[in-house]
Amino acid sequence: MMGREIRRLISSGGDWRSRLHPDAAKYLAEIGAERRLATILKPDF
């Protein structure tokens, strides 16, 4: 569920990281969430 929410934020464009808690944005950057979610989740919207 969390992956889909993050993917929606990414697809909405703009600075989606600014909508997250700073620690959450840092963690997602460290694990390469944007790249990973683009490859493992199918678009559902």
N, C-alpha and C. Protein backbone atom coordinates (compact mmCIF):
# COMPACT_ATOMS: atom_id res chain seq x y z
N MET A 1 0.84 -1.19 0.00
CA MET A 1 0.00 0.00 0.00
C MET A 1 0.88 1.25 0.00
N MET A 2 1.90 1.26 0.81
CA MET A 2 2.76 2.44 0.90
C MET A 2 3.45 2.69 -0.43
N GLY A 3 3.85 1.64 -1.11
CA GLY A 3 4.50 1.80 -2.41
C GLY A 3 3.61 2.51 -3.41
N ARG A 4 2.34 2.16 -3.41
CA ARG A 4 1.40 2.80 -4.34
C ARG A 4 1.23 4.28 -4.02
N GLU A 5 1.17 4.60 -2.74
CA GLU A 5 1.02 6.01 -2.35
C GLU A 5 2.25 6.81 -2.78
N ILE A 6 3.42 6.25 -2.58
CA ILE A 6 4.65 6.94 -2.98
C ILE A 6 4.70 7.07 -4.50
N ARG A 7 4.30 6.02 -5.19
CA ARG A 7 4.30 6.07 -6.65
C ARG A 7 3.34 7.14 -7.15
N ARG A 8 2.22 7.30 -6.51
CA ARG A 8 1.27 8.37 -6.90
C ARG A 8 1.89 9.75 -6.68
N LEU A 9 2.61 9.91 -5.58
CA LEU A 9 3.29 11.18 -5.34
C LEU A 9 4.31 11.46 -6.44
N ILE A 10 5.07 10.43 -6.81
CA ILE A 10 6.09 10.58 -7.84
C ILE A 10 5.44 10.95 -9.17
N SER A 11 4.37 10.25 -9.52
CA SER A 11 3.73 10.50 -10.81
C SER A 11 3.02 11.85 -10.87
N SER A 12 2.71 12.42 -9.71
CA SER A 12 2.04 13.72 -9.71
C SER A 12 2.97 14.84 -10.15
N GLY A 13 4.26 14.54 -10.19
CA GLY A 13 5.23 15.52 -10.65
C GLY A 13 5.58 16.53 -9.58
N GLY A 14 6.34 17.50 -9.98
CA GLY A 14 6.75 18.52 -9.03
C GLY A 14 7.71 17.96 -7.99
N ASP A 15 7.81 18.66 -6.91
CA ASP A 15 8.71 18.26 -5.83
C ASP A 15 7.94 17.40 -4.83
N TRP A 16 7.72 16.15 -5.16
CA TRP A 16 6.94 15.25 -4.31
C TRP A 16 7.62 15.01 -2.97
N ARG A 17 8.95 15.13 -2.92
CA ARG A 17 9.68 14.89 -1.67
C ARG A 17 9.33 15.92 -0.60
N SER A 18 8.95 17.12 -1.04
CA SER A 18 8.62 18.18 -0.07
C SER A 18 7.34 17.87 0.70
N ARG A 19 6.54 16.94 0.20
CA ARG A 19 5.30 16.56 0.89
C ARG A 19 5.53 15.51 1.96
N LEU A 20 6.75 14.97 2.03
CA LEU A 20 7.08 13.93 3.00
C LEU A 20 7.83 14.51 4.19
N HIS A 21 7.85 13.76 5.27
CA HIS A 21 8.69 14.11 6.42
C HIS A 21 10.14 14.08 5.93
N PRO A 22 10.98 15.01 6.36
CA PRO A 22 12.37 15.05 5.89
C PRO A 22 13.12 13.73 6.06
N ASP A 23 12.91 13.04 7.18
CA ASP A 23 13.58 11.75 7.38
C ASP A 23 13.08 10.70 6.40
N ALA A 24 11.79 10.74 6.09
CA ALA A 24 11.22 9.78 5.14
C ALA A 24 11.79 10.03 3.74
N ALA A 25 11.89 11.29 3.36
CA ALA A 25 12.45 11.63 2.05
C ALA A 25 13.90 11.19 1.96
N LYS A 26 14.65 11.38 3.02
CA LYS A 26 16.06 10.97 3.05
C LYS A 26 16.18 9.45 2.92
N TYR A 27 15.36 8.72 3.65
CA TYR A 27 15.39 7.26 3.60
C TYR A 27 15.04 6.75 2.20
N LEU A 28 13.98 7.31 1.61
CA LEU A 28 13.58 6.87 0.27
C LEU A 28 14.67 7.16 -0.76
N ALA A 29 15.38 8.26 -0.60
CA ALA A 29 16.49 8.56 -1.50
C ALA A 29 17.62 7.56 -1.31
N GLU A 30 17.89 7.19 -0.06
CA GLU A 30 18.97 6.24 0.22
C GLU A 30 18.71 4.86 -0.38
N ILE A 31 17.47 4.42 -0.37
CA ILE A 31 17.18 3.09 -0.90
C ILE A 31 16.84 3.12 -2.39
N GLY A 32 16.84 4.29 -2.99
CA GLY A 32 16.54 4.41 -4.41
C GLY A 32 15.09 4.09 -4.73
N ALA A 33 14.19 4.58 -3.90
CA ALA A 33 12.77 4.24 -4.03
C ALA A 33 12.19 4.62 -5.39
N GLU A 34 12.56 5.77 -5.90
CA GLU A 34 11.98 6.22 -7.17
C GLU A 34 12.30 5.23 -8.29
N ARG A 35 13.54 4.80 -8.36
CA ARG A 35 13.95 3.84 -9.38
C ARG A 35 13.31 2.48 -9.14
N ARG A 36 13.32 2.03 -7.90
CA ARG A 36 12.75 0.72 -7.57
C ARG A 36 11.26 0.66 -7.86
N LEU A 37 10.53 1.67 -7.44
CA LEU A 37 9.08 1.67 -7.64
C LEU A 37 8.72 1.74 -9.12
N ALA A 38 9.54 2.39 -9.90
CA ALA A 38 9.28 2.47 -11.33
C ALA A 38 9.39 1.09 -11.98
N THR A 39 10.17 0.21 -11.40
CA THR A 39 10.37 -1.10 -12.01
C THR A 39 9.50 -2.19 -11.42
N ILE A 40 9.06 -2.06 -10.16
CA ILE A 40 8.33 -3.17 -9.54
C ILE A 40 6.82 -2.97 -9.48
N LEU A 41 6.35 -1.75 -9.59
CA LEU A 41 4.91 -1.51 -9.51
C LEU A 41 4.35 -1.17 -10.88
N LYS A 42 3.26 -1.78 -11.20
CA LYS A 42 2.58 -1.47 -12.46
C LYS A 42 1.72 -0.23 -12.24
N PRO A 43 1.63 0.62 -13.25
CA PRO A 43 0.74 1.78 -13.11
C PRO A 43 -0.69 1.33 -12.89
N ASP A 44 -1.36 1.93 -11.93
CA ASP A 44 -2.75 1.58 -11.66
C ASP A 44 -3.66 2.79 -11.73
N PHE A 45 -3.18 3.84 -12.39
CA PHE A 45 -3.99 5.05 -12.50
C PHE A 45 -3.73 5.72 -13.82
